Amino acid sequence: MQTEEQTTLIRQASEQRLQSERARVEQDLRLAALRRQQEEAIEQTRLDADASARQKTLQVEQTLRELTEEARLAESQLQARREQLARDTTLQQIQAEYTLLVQANENHR
C-alpha cells in the first residue's frame, strides 16, 4: 500500500513538474511572440518615419522647383519689360527728333 501511495505521490509530483514546465514554455512562447510584435511595430514605425521624411523631402524639392520657375518667369518678365521700355524710349527719341526735323524744315521754308 505504501508503494502505491509513493507511486501516486511521485506521479503527482511528476505531473506538477510537467505542468510547470508546460506553463513556462507557453509563457516563453508568449514572450517571444510579444517581442516579435514589438520589433515589427518598431520596424513599421521606422518605415513610416522614413516614408514621411521622403515625402517631406519631395514636397520641399517640388516647392523649390516651383519657386525657381516663378523666379525665372519673373526675371523673364522683368527683362521683357526693360526691353519694351528701352524700345519705347528709343521710339520717343526718334519721334522727338522727327518732330524737331519737321519743325526745322518748316522754319527753313
C-alpha atoms as a PDB file:
ATOM      1  CA  MET A   1       0.000   0.000   0.000  1.00  0.00           C
ATOM      2  CA  GLN A   2       2.849   2.335   0.794  1.00  0.00           C
ATOM      3  CA  THR A   3       4.382   1.718  -2.604  1.00  0.00           C
ATOM      4  CA  GLU A   4       1.111   2.635  -4.261  1.00  0.00           C
ATOM      5  CA  GLU A   5       0.967   5.871  -2.299  1.00  0.00           C
ATOM      6  CA  GLN A   6       4.576   6.629  -3.128  1.00  0.00           C
ATOM      7  CA  THR A   7       3.930   5.886  -6.781  1.00  0.00           C
ATOM      8  CA  THR A   8       0.888   8.174  -6.701  1.00  0.00           C
ATOM      9  CA  LEU A   9       2.882  10.911  -4.997  1.00  0.00           C
ATOM     10  CA  ILE A  10       5.722  10.512  -7.470  1.00  0.00           C
ATOM     11  CA  ARG A  11       3.232  10.591 -10.361  1.00  0.00           C
ATOM     12  CA  GLN A  12       1.550  13.730  -8.958  1.00  0.00           C
ATOM     13  CA  ALA A  13       4.916  15.431  -8.459  1.00  0.00           C
ATOM     14  CA  SER A  14       5.912  14.467 -11.978  1.00  0.00           C
ATOM     15  CA  GLU A  15       2.634  15.821 -13.388  1.00  0.00           C
ATOM     16  CA  GLN A  16       3.113  19.053 -11.449  1.00  0.00           C
ATOM     17  CA  ARG A  17       6.632  19.416 -12.864  1.00  0.00           C
ATOM     18  CA  LEU A  18       5.305  18.744 -16.361  1.00  0.00           C
ATOM     19  CA  GLN A  19       2.526  21.318 -15.870  1.00  0.00           C
ATOM     20  CA  SER A  20       5.050  23.836 -14.530  1.00  0.00           C
ATOM     21  CA  GLU A  21       7.369  23.175 -17.456  1.00  0.00           C
ATOM     22  CA  ARG A  22       4.446  23.426 -19.923  1.00  0.00           C
ATOM     23  CA  ALA A  23       3.372  26.738 -18.338  1.00  0.00           C
ATOM     24  CA  ARG A  24       6.947  28.061 -18.539  1.00  0.00           C
ATOM     25  CA  VAL A  25       7.248  27.037 -22.209  1.00  0.00           C
ATOM     26  CA  GLU A  26       3.893  28.662 -23.013  1.00  0.00           C
ATOM     27  CA  GLN A  27       4.983  31.825 -21.216  1.00  0.00           C
ATOM     28  CA  ASP A  28       8.271  31.838 -23.136  1.00  0.00           C
ATOM     29  CA  LEU A  29       6.342  31.440 -26.395  1.00  0.00           C
ATOM     30  CA  ARG A  30       4.017  34.333 -25.487  1.00  0.00           C
ATOM     31  CA  LEU A  31       7.015  36.496 -24.582  1.00  0.00           C
ATOM     32  CA  ALA A  32       8.728  35.634 -27.859  1.00  0.00           C
ATOM     33  CA  ALA A  33       5.546  36.494 -29.777  1.00  0.00           C
ATOM     34  CA  LEU A  34       5.278  39.811 -27.921  1.00  0.00           C
ATOM     35  CA  ARG A  35       8.924  40.586 -28.715  1.00  0.00           C
ATOM     36  CA  ARG A  36       8.316  39.847 -32.395  1.00  0.00           C
ATOM     37  CA  GLN A  37       5.238  42.080 -32.381  1.00  0.00           C
ATOM     38  CA  GLN A  38       7.210  44.837 -30.679  1.00  0.00           C
ATOM     39  CA  GLU A  39      10.067  44.513 -33.190  1.00  0.00           C
ATOM     40  CA  GLU A  40       7.592  44.586 -36.076  1.00  0.00           C
ATOM     41  CA  ALA A  41       5.898  47.667 -34.614  1.00  0.00           C
ATOM     42  CA  ILE A  42       9.268  49.391 -34.216  1.00  0.00           C
ATOM     43  CA  GLU A  43      10.249  48.490 -37.778  1.00  0.00           C
ATOM     44  CA  GLN A  44       6.897  49.717 -39.115  1.00  0.00           C
ATOM     45  CA  THR A  45       7.303  52.968 -37.194  1.00  0.00           C
ATOM     46  CA  ARG A  46      10.782  53.381 -38.675  1.00  0.00           C
ATOM     47  CA  LEU A  47       9.473  52.660 -42.173  1.00  0.00           C
ATOM     48  CA  ASP A  48       6.633  55.137 -41.678  1.00  0.00           C
ATOM     49  CA  ALA A  49       9.067  57.796 -40.441  1.00  0.00           C
ATOM     50  CA  ASP A  50      11.349  57.168 -43.436  1.00  0.00           C
ATOM     51  CA  ALA A  51       8.407  57.393 -45.833  1.00  0.00           C
ATOM     52  CA  SER A  52       7.231  60.581 -44.168  1.00  0.00           C
ATOM     53  CA  ALA A  53      10.708  62.092 -44.407  1.00  0.00           C
ATOM     54  CA  ARG A  54      10.949  61.140 -48.087  1.00  0.00           C
ATOM     55  CA  GLN A  55       7.523  62.655 -48.733  1.00  0.00           C
ATOM     56  CA  LYS A  56       8.511  65.884 -46.991  1.00  0.00           C
ATOM     57  CA  THR A  57      11.756  65.973 -48.975  1.00  0.00           C
ATOM     58  CA  LEU A  58       9.811  65.540 -52.213  1.00  0.00           C
ATOM     59  CA  GLN A  59       7.417  68.313 -51.196  1.00  0.00           C
ATOM     60  CA  VAL A  60      10.294  70.651 -50.373  1.00  0.00           C
ATOM     61  CA  GLU A  61      12.009  69.822 -53.660  1.00  0.00           C
ATOM     62  CA  GLN A  62       8.767  70.424 -55.577  1.00  0.00           C
ATOM     63  CA  THR A  63       8.233  73.742 -53.811  1.00  0.00           C
ATOM     64  CA  LEU A  64      11.817  74.720 -54.577  1.00  0.00           C
ATOM     65  CA  ARG A  65      11.325  73.843 -58.256  1.00  0.00           C
ATOM     66  CA  GLU A  66       8.128  75.901 -58.327  1.00  0.00           C
ATOM     67  CA  LEU A  67       9.824  78.870 -56.663  1.00  0.00           C
ATOM     68  CA  THR A  68      12.765  78.601 -59.048  1.00  0.00           C
ATOM     69  CA  GLU A  69      10.406  78.537 -62.020  1.00  0.00           C
ATOM     70  CA  GLU A  70       8.444  81.502 -60.633  1.00  0.00           C
ATOM     71  CA  ALA A  71      11.685  83.448 -60.146  1.00  0.00           C
ATOM     72  CA  ARG A  72      12.809  82.567 -63.683  1.00  0.00           C
ATOM     73  CA  LEU A  73       9.449  83.670 -65.074  1.00  0.00           C
ATOM     74  CA  ALA A  74       9.546  86.903 -63.070  1.00  0.00           C
ATOM     75  CA  GLU A  75      13.081  87.577 -64.332  1.00  0.00           C
ATOM     76  CA  SER A  76      11.966  86.918 -67.910  1.00  0.00           C
ATOM     77  CA  GLN A  77       9.004  89.250 -67.480  1.00  0.00           C
ATOM     78  CA  LEU A  78      11.230  91.918 -65.950  1.00  0.00           C
ATOM     79  CA  GLN A  79      13.705  91.598 -68.818  1.00  0.00           C
ATOM     80  CA  ALA A  80      10.871  91.813 -71.357  1.00  0.00           C
ATOM     81  CA  ARG A  81       9.527  94.911 -69.602  1.00  0.00           C
ATOM     82  CA  ARG A  82      13.002  96.516 -69.630  1.00  0.00           C
ATOM     83  CA  GLU A  83      13.363  95.782 -73.322  1.00  0.00           C
ATOM     84  CA  GLN A  84       9.909  97.222 -74.004  1.00  0.00           C
ATOM     85  CA  LEU A  85      10.806 100.355 -72.024  1.00  0.00           C
ATOM     86  CA  ALA A  86      14.036 100.673 -73.995  1.00  0.00           C
ATOM     87  CA  ARG A  87      12.118 100.342 -77.275  1.00  0.00           C
ATOM     88  CA  ASP A  88       9.526 102.865 -76.078  1.00  0.00           C
ATOM     89  CA  THR A  89      12.272 105.299 -75.068  1.00  0.00           C
ATOM     90  CA  THR A  90      14.023 104.869 -78.412  1.00  0.00           C
ATOM     91  CA  LEU A  91      10.733 105.368 -80.232  1.00  0.00           C
ATOM     92  CA  GLN A  92      10.009 108.530 -78.238  1.00  0.00           C
ATOM     93  CA  GLN A  93      13.501 109.848 -79.032  1.00  0.00           C
ATOM     94  CA  ILE A  94      13.026 109.108 -82.720  1.00  0.00           C
ATOM     95  CA  GLN A  95       9.607 110.751 -82.663  1.00  0.00           C
ATOM     96  CA  ALA A  96      11.033 113.803 -80.860  1.00  0.00           C
ATOM     97  CA  GLU A  97      13.911 114.046 -83.377  1.00  0.00           C
ATOM     98  CA  TYR A  98      11.461 113.669 -86.236  1.00  0.00           C
ATOM     99  CA  THR A  99       9.254 116.412 -84.797  1.00  0.00           C
ATOM    100  CA  LEU A 100      12.292 118.678 -84.438  1.00  0.00           C
ATOM    101  CA  LEU A 101      13.352 117.926 -88.024  1.00  0.00           C
ATOM    102  CA  VAL A 102       9.864 118.633 -89.293  1.00  0.00           C
ATOM    103  CA  GLN A 103       9.765 121.912 -87.358  1.00  0.00           C
ATOM    104  CA  ALA A 104      13.252 122.855 -88.552  1.00  0.00           C
ATOM    105  CA  ASN A 105      12.289 122.036 -92.108  1.00  0.00           C
ATOM    106  CA  GLU A 106       9.147 124.140 -91.818  1.00  0.00           C
ATOM    107  CA  ASN A 107      11.139 127.019 -90.307  1.00  0.00           C
ATOM    108  CA  HIS A 108      13.608 126.979 -93.227  1.00  0.00           C
ATOM    109  CA  ARG A 109      10.919 127.264 -95.827  1.00  0.00           C
END
